[in-house]
Amino acid sequence: MNIQDFIAHPFTKLDKDWALLTAGIQGDFNSMTISWGGMGTMWHKPVLFLVVKPTRYTYEFVTRHEEITVSFYDASYKKALGVFGSKSGRDTDKAKAAGLTPKPLEHGVTYEEAKETLLCRKLFMQQLSKENFPEFALEYYQGEKESPAHYLVIAEVIGIEAAGAKPSHHAPAPALGHPWPSKEA
């Protein structure tokens, strides 16, 4: 599937439908359910914006690897995605417990059951500061006063694999290869 052909509702694709973030490569990866994030453009590149708590096992893989995937599933897999959000890969084979089949890719890992997988390369990662959060956002950390805030991850979407479609990869733009708009624009 061509990146420009990927259509997603920006306010439900992650938040309501959920997805799996998988960081790493075959033999060294972990996955977790995600619902916070977004999609857009940054530095003239198609990107995903995701957040990961440093207490999550998947965080270790995100810091260690550039390759990440975000995969989407039919509603019938909601219970399976719940396993990835409630169990730790430190002590559970989450794929086996959820009944999903890992699928190695050239750039990362997804699952055979995914209907769409965004193939990504990590560009940026930085911890958010609770001191800068609006008051209402602190409610999400109640009872976790000592718990660190999430890390923001910005990842370039380098390709999309869709069930039944030929995988597509776009050529990443050179770091400064895209011209900035003129002052007249």
N, C-alpha and C. Protein backbone atom coordinates (compact mmCIF):
# COMPACT_ATOMS: atom_id res chain seq x y z
N MET A 1 0.85 -1.17 0.00
CA MET A 1 0.00 0.00 0.00
C MET A 1 0.89 1.24 0.00
N ASN A 2 0.56 2.19 -0.81
CA ASN A 2 1.28 3.44 -0.88
C ASN A 2 0.93 4.29 0.35
N ILE A 3 1.90 4.96 0.90
CA ILE A 3 1.69 5.77 2.10
C ILE A 3 0.56 6.79 1.89
N GLN A 4 0.49 7.39 0.72
CA GLN A 4 -0.54 8.39 0.45
C GLN A 4 -1.93 7.77 0.37
N ASP A 5 -2.02 6.43 0.24
CA ASP A 5 -3.32 5.76 0.17
C ASP A 5 -3.83 5.31 1.54
N PHE A 6 -3.02 5.49 2.58
CA PHE A 6 -3.42 5.09 3.92
C PHE A 6 -4.41 6.11 4.45
N ILE A 7 -5.60 5.64 4.76
CA ILE A 7 -6.65 6.52 5.27
C ILE A 7 -7.01 6.08 6.68
N ALA A 8 -6.97 7.02 7.60
CA ALA A 8 -7.28 6.72 9.00
C ALA A 8 -7.97 7.91 9.62
N HIS A 9 -8.95 7.64 10.46
CA HIS A 9 -9.59 8.72 11.20
C HIS A 9 -8.62 9.15 12.31
N PRO A 10 -8.22 10.41 12.34
CA PRO A 10 -7.16 10.83 13.27
C PRO A 10 -7.53 10.72 14.75
N PHE A 11 -8.83 10.69 15.06
CA PHE A 11 -9.21 10.68 16.47
C PHE A 11 -9.70 9.32 16.96
N THR A 12 -9.69 8.32 16.09
CA THR A 12 -10.11 6.99 16.53
C THR A 12 -9.10 5.90 16.21
N LYS A 13 -8.24 6.11 15.25
CA LYS A 13 -7.33 5.04 14.81
C LYS A 13 -6.49 4.48 15.95
N LEU A 14 -5.98 5.33 16.81
CA LEU A 14 -5.22 4.84 17.96
C LEU A 14 -6.09 4.79 19.22
N ASP A 15 -6.80 5.85 19.49
CA ASP A 15 -7.53 5.98 20.75
C ASP A 15 -8.65 4.95 20.92
N LYS A 16 -9.44 4.73 19.92
CA LYS A 16 -10.58 3.81 20.04
C LYS A 16 -10.27 2.43 19.47
N ASP A 17 -9.55 2.38 18.36
CA ASP A 17 -9.27 1.10 17.70
C ASP A 17 -8.09 0.37 18.33
N TRP A 18 -7.19 1.10 18.94
CA TRP A 18 -5.95 0.58 19.52
C TRP A 18 -5.02 0.08 18.42
N ALA A 19 -3.81 -0.21 18.82
CA ALA A 19 -2.80 -0.73 17.89
C ALA A 19 -1.72 -1.40 18.73
N LEU A 20 -0.83 -2.11 18.06
CA LEU A 20 0.34 -2.67 18.74
C LEU A 20 1.58 -1.94 18.27
N LEU A 21 2.36 -1.46 19.22
CA LEU A 21 3.69 -0.93 18.96
C LEU A 21 4.65 -2.09 19.16
N THR A 22 5.44 -2.39 18.15
CA THR A 22 6.45 -3.44 18.26
C THR A 22 7.79 -2.79 17.98
N ALA A 23 8.71 -2.94 18.91
CA ALA A 23 10.05 -2.36 18.76
C ALA A 23 11.06 -3.49 18.70
N GLY A 24 11.96 -3.39 17.72
CA GLY A 24 13.03 -4.38 17.61
C GLY A 24 13.00 -5.15 16.31
N ILE A 25 13.77 -6.22 16.31
CA ILE A 25 13.91 -7.07 15.13
C ILE A 25 13.67 -8.52 15.54
N GLN A 26 13.49 -9.39 14.57
CA GLN A 26 13.26 -10.80 14.87
C GLN A 26 14.33 -11.31 15.84
N GLY A 27 13.90 -11.97 16.90
CA GLY A 27 14.82 -12.46 17.90
C GLY A 27 15.08 -11.49 19.04
N ASP A 28 14.70 -10.23 18.90
CA ASP A 28 14.90 -9.22 19.94
C ASP A 28 13.85 -8.12 19.78
N PHE A 29 12.62 -8.43 20.18
CA PHE A 29 11.54 -7.46 20.05
C PHE A 29 10.54 -7.64 21.18
N ASN A 30 9.72 -6.62 21.38
CA ASN A 30 8.60 -6.70 22.30
C ASN A 30 7.50 -5.79 21.78
N SER A 31 6.28 -6.13 22.13
CA SER A 31 5.11 -5.37 21.67
C SER A 31 4.26 -4.94 22.86
N MET A 32 3.55 -3.84 22.68
CA MET A 32 2.60 -3.36 23.68
C MET A 32 1.44 -2.66 22.97
N THR A 33 0.29 -2.69 23.61
CA THR A 33 -0.87 -1.98 23.09
C THR A 33 -0.66 -0.48 23.29
N ILE A 34 -1.04 0.29 22.28
CA ILE A 34 -0.97 1.76 22.40
C ILE A 34 -2.31 2.37 22.01
N SER A 35 -2.60 3.50 22.63
CA SER A 35 -3.80 4.25 22.24
C SER A 35 -3.54 5.75 22.26
N TRP A 36 -2.38 6.17 22.74
CA TRP A 36 -2.03 7.59 22.75
C TRP A 36 -1.03 7.84 21.64
N GLY A 37 -1.29 8.86 20.84
CA GLY A 37 -0.37 9.23 19.78
C GLY A 37 -1.10 9.91 18.65
N GLY A 38 -0.41 10.07 17.56
CA GLY A 38 -1.00 10.71 16.40
C GLY A 38 -0.15 10.49 15.17
N MET A 39 -0.66 10.95 14.04
CA MET A 39 0.03 10.83 12.76
C MET A 39 0.05 12.20 12.11
N GLY A 40 1.11 12.46 11.36
CA GLY A 40 1.19 13.74 10.68
C GLY A 40 2.50 13.90 9.94
N THR A 41 2.96 15.14 9.88
CA THR A 41 4.18 15.46 9.17
C THR A 41 5.10 16.25 10.09
N MET A 42 6.36 15.87 10.10
CA MET A 42 7.37 16.58 10.89
C MET A 42 8.65 16.56 10.08
N TRP A 43 9.31 17.67 9.96
CA TRP A 43 10.55 17.76 9.20
C TRP A 43 10.35 17.26 7.77
N HIS A 44 9.16 17.53 7.22
CA HIS A 44 8.79 17.14 5.85
C HIS A 44 8.80 15.63 5.66
N LYS A 45 8.52 14.90 6.73
CA LYS A 45 8.47 13.44 6.66
C LYS A 45 7.13 12.98 7.24
N PRO A 46 6.56 11.88 6.69
CA PRO A 46 5.36 11.31 7.32
C PRO A 46 5.79 10.63 8.62
N VAL A 47 5.12 10.97 9.71
CA VAL A 47 5.56 10.46 11.01
C VAL A 47 4.39 9.99 11.88
N LEU A 48 4.76 9.21 12.88
CA LEU A 48 3.89 8.86 13.99
C LEU A 48 4.45 9.53 15.23
N PHE A 49 3.56 10.01 16.08
CA PHE A 49 3.94 10.54 17.39
C PHE A 49 3.38 9.55 18.40
N LEU A 50 4.23 8.96 19.22
CA LEU A 50 3.82 7.96 20.20
C LEU A 50 4.39 8.31 21.56
N VAL A 51 3.79 7.79 22.60
CA VAL A 51 4.35 7.95 23.93
C VAL A 51 4.49 6.58 24.59
N VAL A 52 5.61 6.40 25.29
CA VAL A 52 5.91 5.14 25.96
C VAL A 52 6.45 5.44 27.34
N LYS A 53 5.88 4.80 28.36
CA LYS A 53 6.39 4.98 29.73
C LYS A 53 7.68 4.19 29.89
N PRO A 54 8.66 4.77 30.56
CA PRO A 54 9.94 4.07 30.74
C PRO A 54 9.84 2.83 31.63
N THR A 55 8.72 2.67 32.31
CA THR A 55 8.53 1.48 33.14
C THR A 55 8.04 0.28 32.32
N ARG A 56 7.64 0.53 31.08
CA ARG A 56 7.18 -0.56 30.21
C ARG A 56 8.37 -1.31 29.62
N TYR A 57 8.26 -2.62 29.54
CA TYR A 57 9.33 -3.45 28.98
C TYR A 57 9.64 -3.04 27.54
N THR A 58 8.63 -2.68 26.78
CA THR A 58 8.83 -2.28 25.38
C THR A 58 9.74 -1.06 25.28
N TYR A 59 9.73 -0.20 26.29
CA TYR A 59 10.59 0.98 26.29
C TYR A 59 12.06 0.59 26.06
N GLU A 60 12.50 -0.49 26.70
CA GLU A 60 13.89 -0.94 26.53
C GLU A 60 14.20 -1.23 25.06
N PHE A 61 13.24 -1.79 24.33
CA PHE A 61 13.43 -2.12 22.93
C PHE A 61 13.38 -0.87 22.05
N VAL A 62 12.53 0.08 22.43
CA VAL A 62 12.45 1.34 21.68
C VAL A 62 13.77 2.10 21.80
N THR A 63 14.39 2.07 22.97
CA THR A 63 15.66 2.77 23.13
C THR A 63 16.81 2.05 22.41
N ARG A 64 16.71 0.73 22.31
CA ARG A 64 17.78 -0.07 21.74
C ARG A 64 17.72 -0.19 20.21
N HIS A 65 16.56 -0.01 19.63
CA HIS A 65 16.38 -0.25 18.19
C HIS A 65 15.81 0.98 17.47
N GLU A 66 16.18 1.12 16.23
CA GLU A 66 15.60 2.16 15.37
C GLU A 66 14.30 1.67 14.72
N GLU A 67 14.17 0.35 14.57
CA GLU A 67 13.02 -0.23 13.87
C GLU A 67 11.84 -0.37 14.81
N ILE A 68 10.71 0.24 14.44
CA ILE A 68 9.47 0.02 15.16
C ILE A 68 8.35 -0.13 14.14
N THR A 69 7.34 -0.88 14.53
CA THR A 69 6.15 -1.00 13.70
C THR A 69 4.94 -0.66 14.56
N VAL A 70 3.90 -0.19 13.90
CA VAL A 70 2.61 0.03 14.55
C VAL A 70 1.60 -0.71 13.68
N SER A 71 0.94 -1.70 14.29
CA SER A 71 0.03 -2.56 13.53
C SER A 71 -1.40 -2.41 14.02
N PHE A 72 -2.32 -2.52 13.07
CA PHE A 72 -3.75 -2.34 13.33
C PHE A 72 -4.49 -3.64 13.00
N TYR A 73 -5.60 -3.87 13.70
CA TYR A 73 -6.31 -5.15 13.63
C TYR A 73 -7.81 -4.94 13.53
N ASP A 74 -8.50 -5.97 13.04
CA ASP A 74 -9.95 -5.95 13.05
C ASP A 74 -10.44 -5.94 14.49
N ALA A 75 -11.68 -5.50 14.69
CA ALA A 75 -12.26 -5.41 16.04
C ALA A 75 -12.27 -6.76 16.75
N SER A 76 -12.28 -7.84 16.01
CA SER A 76 -12.31 -9.18 16.62
C SER A 76 -11.03 -9.48 17.41
N TYR A 77 -9.98 -8.69 17.23
CA TYR A 77 -8.72 -8.90 17.95
C TYR A 77 -8.58 -8.02 19.19
N LYS A 78 -9.62 -7.30 19.57
CA LYS A 78 -9.54 -6.39 20.72
C LYS A 78 -9.11 -7.13 22.00
N LYS A 79 -9.62 -8.33 22.23
CA LYS A 79 -9.23 -9.10 23.41
C LYS A 79 -7.74 -9.46 23.35
N ALA A 80 -7.26 -9.84 22.18
CA ALA A 80 -5.83 -10.16 22.01
C ALA A 80 -4.98 -8.93 22.29
N LEU A 81 -5.41 -7.76 21.81
CA LEU A 81 -4.66 -6.53 22.07
C LEU A 81 -4.66 -6.20 23.56
N GLY A 82 -5.72 -6.59 24.25
CA GLY A 82 -5.79 -6.40 25.69
C GLY A 82 -4.70 -7.16 26.42
N VAL A 83 -4.34 -8.33 25.91
CA VAL A 83 -3.25 -9.11 26.51
C VAL A 83 -1.95 -8.32 26.43
N PHE A 84 -1.70 -7.69 25.28
CA PHE A 84 -0.46 -6.93 25.08
C PHE A 84 -0.42 -5.68 25.95
N GLY A 85 -1.59 -5.22 26.41
CA GLY A 85 -1.64 -4.05 27.27
C GLY A 85 -1.69 -4.36 28.75
N SER A 86 -1.88 -5.64 29.09
CA SER A 86 -2.02 -5.99 30.51
C SER A 86 -0.95 -6.96 31.02
N LYS A 87 -0.18 -7.54 30.14
CA LYS A 87 0.88 -8.48 30.52
C LYS A 87 2.23 -7.88 30.15
N SER A 88 3.27 -8.33 30.84
CA SER A 88 4.62 -7.88 30.52
C SER A 88 5.37 -8.94 29.75
N GLY A 89 6.11 -8.51 28.75
CA GLY A 89 6.97 -9.41 27.99
C GLY A 89 8.15 -9.90 28.80
N ARG A 90 8.37 -9.31 29.97
CA ARG A 90 9.46 -9.77 30.84
C ARG A 90 9.21 -11.20 31.32
N ASP A 91 7.93 -11.53 31.53
CA ASP A 91 7.61 -12.84 32.09
C ASP A 91 6.50 -13.59 31.36
N THR A 92 6.05 -13.06 30.22
CA THR A 92 4.98 -13.69 29.46
C THR A 92 5.28 -13.63 27.97
N ASP A 93 5.03 -14.71 27.27
CA ASP A 93 5.07 -14.70 25.82
C ASP A 93 3.72 -14.16 25.38
N LYS A 94 3.65 -12.84 25.19
CA LYS A 94 2.38 -12.19 24.92
C LYS A 94 1.76 -12.65 23.60
N ALA A 95 2.58 -12.88 22.59
CA ALA A 95 2.04 -13.33 21.30
C ALA A 95 1.33 -14.67 21.47
N LYS A 96 1.96 -15.58 22.18
CA LYS A 96 1.36 -16.90 22.41
C LYS A 96 0.09 -16.77 23.24
N ALA A 97 0.14 -15.96 24.31
CA ALA A 97 -1.03 -15.77 25.17
C ALA A 97 -2.20 -15.12 24.42
N ALA A 98 -1.89 -14.27 23.46
CA ALA A 98 -2.92 -13.57 22.69
C ALA A 98 -3.35 -14.33 21.45
N GLY A 99 -2.58 -15.35 21.08
CA GLY A 99 -2.91 -16.11 19.88
C GLY A 99 -2.50 -15.42 18.60
N LEU A 100 -1.48 -14.56 18.66
CA LEU A 100 -0.99 -13.88 17.46
C LEU A 100 0.34 -14.50 17.03
N THR A 101 0.63 -14.38 15.72
CA THR A 101 1.81 -14.99 15.13
C THR A 101 2.81 -13.93 14.69
N PRO A 102 3.99 -13.83 15.36
CA PRO A 102 4.99 -12.85 14.94
C PRO A 102 5.41 -13.08 13.49
N LYS A 103 5.62 -11.97 12.78
CA LYS A 103 6.00 -12.00 11.37
C LYS A 103 7.20 -11.08 11.18
N PRO A 104 8.40 -11.64 10.93
CA PRO A 104 9.56 -10.78 10.72
C PRO A 104 9.43 -10.01 9.40
N LEU A 105 9.91 -8.78 9.42
CA LEU A 105 9.92 -7.92 8.24
C LEU A 105 11.35 -7.46 8.00
N GLU A 106 11.59 -6.87 6.86
CA GLU A 106 12.92 -6.32 6.59
C GLU A 106 13.30 -5.27 7.64
N HIS A 107 12.31 -4.47 8.06
CA HIS A 107 12.54 -3.41 9.04
C HIS A 107 11.61 -3.61 10.23
N GLY A 108 11.85 -4.62 11.04
CA GLY A 108 11.06 -4.81 12.24
C GLY A 108 10.25 -6.10 12.24
N VAL A 109 9.23 -6.09 13.09
CA VAL A 109 8.38 -7.25 13.28
C VAL A 109 6.94 -6.78 13.37
N THR A 110 6.03 -7.56 12.80
CA THR A 110 4.60 -7.34 12.96
C THR A 110 3.97 -8.68 13.29
N TYR A 111 2.68 -8.81 13.03
CA TYR A 111 1.97 -10.05 13.29
C TYR A 111 1.16 -10.42 12.06
N GLU A 112 1.08 -11.72 11.79
CA GLU A 112 0.36 -12.23 10.61
C GLU A 112 -1.08 -11.73 10.59
N GLU A 113 -1.68 -11.54 11.74
CA GLU A 113 -3.09 -11.18 11.84
C GLU A 113 -3.35 -9.69 11.60
N ALA A 114 -2.32 -8.88 11.51
CA ALA A 114 -2.49 -7.43 11.32
C ALA A 114 -3.13 -7.13 9.97
N LYS A 115 -4.06 -6.18 9.95
CA LYS A 115 -4.63 -5.79 8.65
C LYS A 115 -3.79 -4.70 8.01
N GLU A 116 -3.09 -3.90 8.84
CA GLU A 116 -2.17 -2.87 8.34
C GLU A 116 -1.03 -2.73 9.32
N THR A 117 0.17 -2.53 8.80
CA THR A 117 1.34 -2.30 9.64
C THR A 117 2.12 -1.12 9.07
N LEU A 118 2.37 -0.13 9.91
CA LEU A 118 3.21 0.99 9.52
C LEU A 118 4.64 0.64 9.91
N LEU A 119 5.54 0.65 8.95
CA LEU A 119 6.95 0.36 9.17
C LEU A 119 7.63 1.68 9.44
N CYS A 120 8.31 1.78 10.57
CA CYS A 120 8.84 3.07 10.99
C CYS A 120 10.30 3.00 11.41
N ARG A 121 10.92 4.18 11.34
CA ARG A 121 12.30 4.36 11.82
C ARG A 121 12.27 5.49 12.84
N LYS A 122 12.75 5.19 14.04
CA LYS A 122 12.75 6.18 15.12
C LYS A 122 13.64 7.35 14.72
N LEU A 123 13.11 8.57 14.86
CA LEU A 123 13.86 9.78 14.56
C LEU A 123 14.23 10.55 15.83
N PHE A 124 13.37 10.48 16.83
CA PHE A 124 13.52 11.35 18.00
C PHE A 124 12.87 10.69 19.19
N MET A 125 13.47 10.90 20.38
CA MET A 125 12.89 10.37 21.61
C MET A 125 13.32 11.27 22.76
N GLN A 126 12.34 11.74 23.55
CA GLN A 126 12.65 12.62 24.68
C GLN A 126 11.57 12.47 25.74
N GLN A 127 11.99 12.49 26.99
CA GLN A 127 11.04 12.37 28.07
C GLN A 127 10.24 13.66 28.24
N LEU A 128 8.94 13.51 28.43
CA LEU A 128 8.08 14.64 28.71
C LEU A 128 8.25 15.04 30.17
N SER A 129 7.96 16.28 30.49
CA SER A 129 8.12 16.79 31.85
C SER A 129 6.74 17.03 32.46
N LYS A 130 6.44 16.34 33.55
CA LYS A 130 5.15 16.52 34.21
C LYS A 130 4.95 17.96 34.68
N GLU A 131 6.04 18.65 34.96
CA GLU A 131 5.95 20.04 35.41
C GLU A 131 5.32 20.94 34.34
N ASN A 132 5.40 20.51 33.10
CA ASN A 132 4.85 21.31 32.00
C ASN A 132 3.47 20.84 31.55
N PHE A 133 2.92 19.82 32.19
CA PHE A 133 1.61 19.29 31.81
C PHE A 133 0.51 20.24 32.27
N PRO A 134 -0.58 20.32 31.52
CA PRO A 134 -1.74 21.04 32.03
C PRO A 134 -2.31 20.27 33.23
N GLU A 135 -3.00 20.95 34.09
CA GLU A 135 -3.51 20.35 35.33
C GLU A 135 -4.32 19.07 35.08
N PHE A 136 -5.20 19.08 34.08
CA PHE A 136 -6.05 17.90 33.84
C PHE A 136 -5.23 16.68 33.45
N ALA A 137 -4.09 16.85 32.81
CA ALA A 137 -3.27 15.72 32.38
C ALA A 137 -2.62 15.01 33.56
N LEU A 138 -2.43 15.71 34.65
CA LEU A 138 -1.82 15.09 35.84
C LEU A 138 -2.72 14.01 36.44
N GLU A 139 -4.03 14.07 36.13
CA GLU A 139 -4.96 13.05 36.61
C GLU A 139 -4.54 11.65 36.12
N TYR A 140 -3.91 11.58 34.96
CA TYR A 140 -3.50 10.29 34.41
C TYR A 140 -2.32 9.69 35.18
N TYR A 141 -1.73 10.47 36.07
CA TYR A 141 -0.58 10.00 36.84
C TYR A 141 -0.89 9.93 38.33
N GLN A 142 -2.17 10.08 38.72
CA GLN A 142 -2.53 10.02 40.13
C GLN A 142 -2.13 8.68 40.72
N GLY A 143 -1.60 8.73 41.93
CA GLY A 143 -1.13 7.52 42.57
C GLY A 143 0.24 7.08 42.07
N GLU A 144 0.79 7.86 41.16
CA GLU A 144 2.10 7.54 40.57
C GLU A 144 3.04 8.74 40.72
N LYS A 145 3.03 9.38 41.87
CA LYS A 145 3.82 10.60 42.06
C LYS A 145 5.29 10.43 41.69
N GLU A 146 5.83 9.26 42.02
CA GLU A 146 7.23 9.01 41.70
C GLU A 146 7.40 8.39 40.31
N SER A 147 6.30 8.05 39.67
CA SER A 147 6.37 7.42 38.35
C SER A 147 6.82 8.44 37.30
N PRO A 148 7.80 8.07 36.50
CA PRO A 148 8.27 9.02 35.48
C PRO A 148 7.23 9.21 34.37
N ALA A 149 7.31 10.35 33.74
CA ALA A 149 6.41 10.67 32.63
C ALA A 149 6.80 9.86 31.40
N HIS A 150 5.89 9.81 30.45
CA HIS A 150 6.13 9.12 29.19
C HIS A 150 7.28 9.76 28.40
N TYR A 151 7.83 8.98 27.49
CA TYR A 151 8.76 9.49 26.49
C TYR A 151 7.97 9.71 25.21
N LEU A 152 8.20 10.84 24.56
CA LEU A 152 7.65 11.10 23.25
C LEU A 152 8.58 10.48 22.22
N VAL A 153 8.02 9.71 21.32
CA VAL A 153 8.78 9.10 20.23
C VAL A 153 8.20 9.63 18.92
N ILE A 154 9.07 10.16 18.08
CA ILE A 154 8.66 10.56 16.73
C ILE A 154 9.35 9.59 15.78
N ALA A 155 8.55 8.91 14.97
CA ALA A 155 9.09 7.90 14.07
C ALA A 155 8.62 8.15 12.64
N GLU A 156 9.55 8.10 11.71
CA GLU A 156 9.22 8.27 10.29
C GLU A 156 8.56 7.00 9.77
N VAL A 157 7.44 7.18 9.07
CA VAL A 157 6.78 6.04 8.42
C VAL A 157 7.51 5.81 7.10
N ILE A 158 8.20 4.67 7.00
CA ILE A 158 8.98 4.39 5.79
C ILE A 158 8.27 3.42 4.85
N GLY A 159 7.17 2.85 5.32
CA GLY A 159 6.41 1.93 4.47
C GLY A 159 5.16 1.45 5.17
N ILE A 160 4.29 0.84 4.39
CA ILE A 160 3.05 0.28 4.94
C ILE A 160 2.86 -1.10 4.33
N GLU A 161 2.54 -2.04 5.19
CA GLU A 161 2.19 -3.38 4.74
C GLU A 161 0.73 -3.59 5.10
N ALA A 162 -0.07 -3.93 4.10
CA ALA A 162 -1.49 -4.19 4.32
C ALA A 162 -1.79 -5.62 3.92
N ALA A 163 -2.67 -6.27 4.69
CA ALA A 163 -3.04 -7.65 4.38
C ALA A 163 -3.54 -7.73 2.94
N GLY A 164 -2.98 -8.65 2.19
CA GLY A 164 -3.40 -8.86 0.81
C GLY A 164 -2.84 -7.86 -0.18
N ALA A 165 -2.00 -6.94 0.25
CA ALA A 165 -1.42 -5.93 -0.66
C ALA A 165 0.09 -6.08 -0.69
N LYS A 166 0.69 -5.62 -1.76
CA LYS A 166 2.14 -5.64 -1.88
C LYS A 166 2.73 -4.58 -0.93
N PRO A 167 3.75 -4.95 -0.12
CA PRO A 167 4.36 -3.95 0.77
C PRO A 167 4.90 -2.77 -0.01
N SER A 168 4.82 -1.59 0.59
CA SER A 168 5.34 -0.40 -0.07
C SER A 168 6.30 0.31 0.85
N HIS A 169 7.32 0.86 0.27
CA HIS A 169 8.29 1.66 1.01
C HIS A 169 8.49 2.95 0.25
N HIS A 170 8.54 4.04 0.97
CA HIS A 170 8.87 5.30 0.30
C HIS A 170 10.32 5.60 0.60
N ALA A 171 10.93 6.28 -0.32
CA ALA A 171 12.33 6.67 -0.12
C ALA A 171 12.35 7.81 0.89
N PRO A 172 12.97 7.61 2.05
CA PRO A 172 13.02 8.69 3.02
C PRO A 172 13.67 9.93 2.42
N ALA A 173 13.09 11.07 2.76
CA ALA A 173 13.64 12.32 2.25
C ALA A 173 15.00 12.57 2.88
N PRO A 174 15.93 13.15 2.12
CA PRO A 174 17.22 13.49 2.73
C PRO A 174 17.00 14.43 3.90
N ALA A 175 17.90 14.43 4.84
CA ALA A 175 17.73 15.22 6.06
C ALA A 175 17.35 16.67 5.77
N LEU A 176 18.02 17.31 4.83
CA LEU A 176 17.70 18.69 4.49
C LEU A 176 17.32 18.81 3.02
N GLY A 177 16.84 17.73 2.45
CA GLY A 177 16.57 17.68 1.01
C GLY A 177 15.28 18.34 0.57
N HIS A 178 14.39 18.66 1.49
CA HIS A 178 13.13 19.28 1.10
C HIS A 178 13.26 20.78 1.25
N PRO A 179 12.96 21.53 0.20
CA PRO A 179 13.11 22.98 0.30
C PRO A 179 12.08 23.58 1.25
N TRP A 180 12.49 24.56 2.01
CA TRP A 180 11.58 25.26 2.90
C TRP A 180 10.73 26.20 2.05
N PRO A 181 9.49 26.47 2.49
CA PRO A 181 8.66 27.41 1.74
C PRO A 181 9.33 28.78 1.67
N SER A 182 9.10 29.45 0.58
CA SER A 182 9.68 30.77 0.45
C SER A 182 8.95 31.73 1.40
N LYS A 183 9.56 32.88 1.66
CA LYS A 183 8.95 33.87 2.57
C LYS A 183 7.65 34.40 1.97
N GLU A 184 7.50 34.29 0.66
CA GLU A 184 6.27 34.77 0.01
C GLU A 184 5.13 33.81 0.22
N ALA A 185 5.40 32.57 0.59
CA ALA A 185 4.35 31.54 0.71
C ALA A 185 3.46 31.79 1.91
